[in-house]
Amino acid sequence: MSRLLEGGTHLTNRRPDVIVYRAETIDLTPTRPEHVLLVVEVVSPGSETTDRIVKVDQYAKASIPFYWRIEQAATGVPIIYTYVLDPATNAYRDGEMFTGVIKTAAPFSVTVDLGAT
């Protein structure tokens, strides 16, 4: 997903750390925003503003239904912030926040132990 198209505008060079595609679109090319169900970004030093503000806005405008951001707390434990697209405003609203274990049903059922090695 190096290039997502958004209403004629290119989201150039956006390469999320994790992309979950809709199963029925996995073989379609080029990849378009409507093929993507979830994007996940891992915040690292130097990418804080881009991952927390810029990408959130761009992915919402591209109508990607779910955005997750992973950060490392001062304690060293990963924190996952989840966001769900509000189609009425085309902006994300806060979802759940997870530490330790992620257990969610949306956008699909998943349980991940963040402390597992």
C-alpha atoms as a PDB file:
ATOM      1  CA  MET A   1       0.000   0.000   0.000  1.00  0.00           C
ATOM      2  CA  SER A   2       2.720   2.397  -0.926  1.00  0.00           C
ATOM      3  CA  ARG A   3       0.184   4.563  -2.692  1.00  0.00           C
ATOM      4  CA  LEU A   4      -3.461   4.885  -1.705  1.00  0.00           C
ATOM      5  CA  LEU A   5      -5.865   6.805  -3.884  1.00  0.00           C
ATOM      6  CA  GLU A   6      -8.327   9.082  -2.134  1.00  0.00           C
ATOM      7  CA  GLY A   7     -10.923  10.784  -4.290  1.00  0.00           C
ATOM      8  CA  GLY A   8      -8.357  11.617  -6.943  1.00  0.00           C
ATOM      9  CA  THR A   9      -5.722  12.592  -4.372  1.00  0.00           C
ATOM     10  CA  HIS A  10      -2.713  10.378  -3.729  1.00  0.00           C
ATOM     11  CA  LEU A  11      -1.685   9.449  -0.226  1.00  0.00           C
ATOM     12  CA  THR A  12       1.877   9.048  -1.364  1.00  0.00           C
ATOM     13  CA  ASN A  13       4.390   6.899   0.455  1.00  0.00           C
ATOM     14  CA  ARG A  14       2.051   5.720   3.200  1.00  0.00           C
ATOM     15  CA  ARG A  15       3.271   2.305   4.254  1.00  0.00           C
ATOM     16  CA  PRO A  16       1.526   1.338   7.480  1.00  0.00           C
ATOM     17  CA  ASP A  17       3.339  -1.077   9.771  1.00  0.00           C
ATOM     18  CA  VAL A  18       0.375  -3.471   9.504  1.00  0.00           C
ATOM     19  CA  ILE A  19      -2.386  -3.572   6.892  1.00  0.00           C
ATOM     20  CA  VAL A  20      -5.462  -5.798   7.059  1.00  0.00           C
ATOM     21  CA  TYR A  21      -7.204  -6.118   3.714  1.00  0.00           C
ATOM     22  CA  ARG A  22     -10.796  -7.172   3.149  1.00  0.00           C
ATOM     23  CA  ALA A  23     -10.623 -10.872   2.202  1.00  0.00           C
ATOM     24  CA  GLU A  24     -12.555 -10.415  -1.044  1.00  0.00           C
ATOM     25  CA  THR A  25     -10.089  -7.768  -2.287  1.00  0.00           C
ATOM     26  CA  ILE A  26      -6.760  -9.432  -1.478  1.00  0.00           C
ATOM     27  CA  ASP A  27      -5.920 -10.160  -5.145  1.00  0.00           C
ATOM     28  CA  LEU A  28      -7.088  -6.847  -6.590  1.00  0.00           C
ATOM     29  CA  THR A  29      -4.548  -4.334  -7.848  1.00  0.00           C
ATOM     30  CA  PRO A  30      -3.923  -1.540  -7.466  1.00  0.00           C
ATOM     31  CA  THR A  31      -4.706  -1.449  -3.775  1.00  0.00           C
ATOM     32  CA  ARG A  32      -7.327   1.159  -2.995  1.00  0.00           C
ATOM     33  CA  PRO A  33      -8.486   2.491   0.381  1.00  0.00           C
ATOM     34  CA  GLU A  34     -11.791   0.626   0.119  1.00  0.00           C
ATOM     35  CA  HIS A  35      -9.799  -2.650   0.081  1.00  0.00           C
ATOM     36  CA  VAL A  36      -8.327  -1.881   3.511  1.00  0.00           C
ATOM     37  CA  LEU A  37     -10.136  -2.706   6.751  1.00  0.00           C
ATOM     38  CA  LEU A  38      -7.467  -1.729   9.297  1.00  0.00           C
ATOM     39  CA  VAL A  39      -4.128   0.051   9.388  1.00  0.00           C
ATOM     40  CA  VAL A  40      -1.752  -0.094  12.345  1.00  0.00           C
ATOM     41  CA  GLU A  41       1.119   2.274  12.997  1.00  0.00           C
ATOM     42  CA  VAL A  42       3.883   1.724  15.551  1.00  0.00           C
ATOM     43  CA  VAL A  43       5.058   5.061  16.944  1.00  0.00           C
ATOM     44  CA  SER A  44       8.801   5.451  17.131  1.00  0.00           C
ATOM     45  CA  PRO A  45      10.986   8.394  18.092  1.00  0.00           C
ATOM     46  CA  GLY A  46      10.615  11.006  15.399  1.00  0.00           C
ATOM     47  CA  SER A  47       7.268   9.743  14.061  1.00  0.00           C
ATOM     48  CA  GLU A  48       5.043  10.858  16.947  1.00  0.00           C
ATOM     49  CA  THR A  49       3.371  13.812  15.210  1.00  0.00           C
ATOM     50  CA  THR A  50       2.998  11.987  11.905  1.00  0.00           C
ATOM     51  CA  ASP A  51       1.452   8.872  13.500  1.00  0.00           C
ATOM     52  CA  ARG A  52      -0.745  10.729  16.010  1.00  0.00           C
ATOM     53  CA  ILE A  53      -2.039  13.530  13.774  1.00  0.00           C
ATOM     54  CA  VAL A  54      -1.094  13.452  10.083  1.00  0.00           C
ATOM     55  CA  LYS A  55      -1.712   9.780   9.293  1.00  0.00           C
ATOM     56  CA  VAL A  56      -4.889   9.684  11.385  1.00  0.00           C
ATOM     57  CA  ASP A  57      -6.359  12.486   9.291  1.00  0.00           C
ATOM     58  CA  GLN A  58      -5.210  10.991   5.978  1.00  0.00           C
ATOM     59  CA  TYR A  59      -6.516   7.489   6.742  1.00  0.00           C
ATOM     60  CA  ALA A  60      -9.862   8.923   7.893  1.00  0.00           C
ATOM     61  CA  LYS A  61     -10.189  10.978   4.697  1.00  0.00           C
ATOM     62  CA  ALA A  62      -9.421   7.785   2.747  1.00  0.00           C
ATOM     63  CA  SER A  63     -12.362   6.145   4.637  1.00  0.00           C
ATOM     64  CA  ILE A  64     -10.319   3.328   6.168  1.00  0.00           C
ATOM     65  CA  PRO A  65     -12.694   1.982   8.850  1.00  0.00           C
ATOM     66  CA  PHE A  66     -10.189   1.218  11.637  1.00  0.00           C
ATOM     67  CA  TYR A  67      -6.875   2.724  12.752  1.00  0.00           C
ATOM     68  CA  TRP A  68      -4.740   1.390  15.605  1.00  0.00           C
ATOM     69  CA  ARG A  69      -1.695   3.153  17.043  1.00  0.00           C
ATOM     70  CA  ILE A  70       0.876   1.309  19.152  1.00  0.00           C
ATOM     71  CA  GLU A  71       3.105   3.233  21.544  1.00  0.00           C
ATOM     72  CA  GLN A  72       5.501   2.211  24.260  1.00  0.00           C
ATOM     73  CA  ALA A  73       4.696   3.545  27.728  1.00  0.00           C
ATOM     74  CA  ALA A  74       7.444   4.833  30.018  1.00  0.00           C
ATOM     75  CA  THR A  75       7.151   1.494  31.840  1.00  0.00           C
ATOM     76  CA  GLY A  76       8.112  -0.319  28.624  1.00  0.00           C
ATOM     77  CA  VAL A  77       4.667  -1.882  28.180  1.00  0.00           C
ATOM     78  CA  PRO A  78       3.045  -1.396  24.761  1.00  0.00           C
ATOM     79  CA  ILE A  79      -0.211   0.572  24.676  1.00  0.00           C
ATOM     80  CA  ILE A  80      -2.643   0.152  21.792  1.00  0.00           C
ATOM     81  CA  TYR A  81      -5.057   2.972  20.985  1.00  0.00           C
ATOM     82  CA  THR A  82      -7.901   2.009  18.658  1.00  0.00           C
ATOM     83  CA  TYR A  83      -9.971   4.338  16.502  1.00  0.00           C
ATOM     84  CA  VAL A  84     -13.172   3.736  14.554  1.00  0.00           C
ATOM     85  CA  LEU A  85     -14.199   5.810  11.546  1.00  0.00           C
ATOM     86  CA  ASP A  86     -17.407   7.811  11.960  1.00  0.00           C
ATOM     87  CA  PRO A  87     -18.832   7.849   8.426  1.00  0.00           C
ATOM     88  CA  ALA A  88     -20.983  10.914   9.167  1.00  0.00           C
ATOM     89  CA  THR A  89     -17.952  13.100   9.910  1.00  0.00           C
ATOM     90  CA  ASN A  90     -15.293  11.062   8.072  1.00  0.00           C
ATOM     91  CA  ALA A  91     -13.154  11.366  11.199  1.00  0.00           C
ATOM     92  CA  TYR A  92     -12.024   8.795  13.735  1.00  0.00           C
ATOM     93  CA  ARG A  93     -13.581   8.542  17.163  1.00  0.00           C
ATOM     94  CA  ASP A  94     -11.710   7.029  20.062  1.00  0.00           C
ATOM     95  CA  GLY A  95     -12.143   3.313  20.525  1.00  0.00           C
ATOM     96  CA  GLU A  96     -10.611   1.211  23.264  1.00  0.00           C
ATOM     97  CA  MET A  97      -7.139   1.382  24.784  1.00  0.00           C
ATOM     98  CA  PHE A  98      -5.282  -1.831  25.593  1.00  0.00           C
ATOM     99  CA  THR A  99      -2.221  -2.763  27.629  1.00  0.00           C
ATOM    100  CA  GLY A 100      -1.126  -6.306  28.379  1.00  0.00           C
ATOM    101  CA  VAL A 101      -3.715  -8.161  26.301  1.00  0.00           C
ATOM    102  CA  ILE A 102      -5.718  -6.933  23.315  1.00  0.00           C
ATOM    103  CA  LYS A 103      -9.120  -8.572  23.181  1.00  0.00           C
ATOM    104  CA  THR A 104     -11.582  -7.097  20.733  1.00  0.00           C
ATOM    105  CA  ALA A 105     -14.366  -8.131  18.381  1.00  0.00           C
ATOM    106  CA  ALA A 106     -14.054  -5.228  15.910  1.00  0.00           C
ATOM    107  CA  PRO A 107     -13.023  -5.119  13.179  1.00  0.00           C
ATOM    108  CA  PHE A 108     -12.663  -8.872  13.778  1.00  0.00           C
ATOM    109  CA  SER A 109     -12.297 -11.110  16.795  1.00  0.00           C
ATOM    110  CA  VAL A 110      -8.714 -11.115  18.020  1.00  0.00           C
ATOM    111  CA  THR A 111      -6.822 -11.723  21.250  1.00  0.00           C
ATOM    112  CA  VAL A 112      -3.122 -10.839  21.446  1.00  0.00           C
ATOM    113  CA  ASP A 113      -0.911 -11.024  24.531  1.00  0.00           C
ATOM    114  CA  LEU A 114       1.425  -8.054  24.192  1.00  0.00           C
ATOM    115  CA  GLY A 115       3.784  -9.499  26.782  1.00  0.00           C
ATOM    116  CA  ALA A 116       4.205 -12.854  25.046  1.00  0.00           C
ATOM    117  CA  THR A 117       7.565 -13.517  23.476  1.00  0.00           C
END
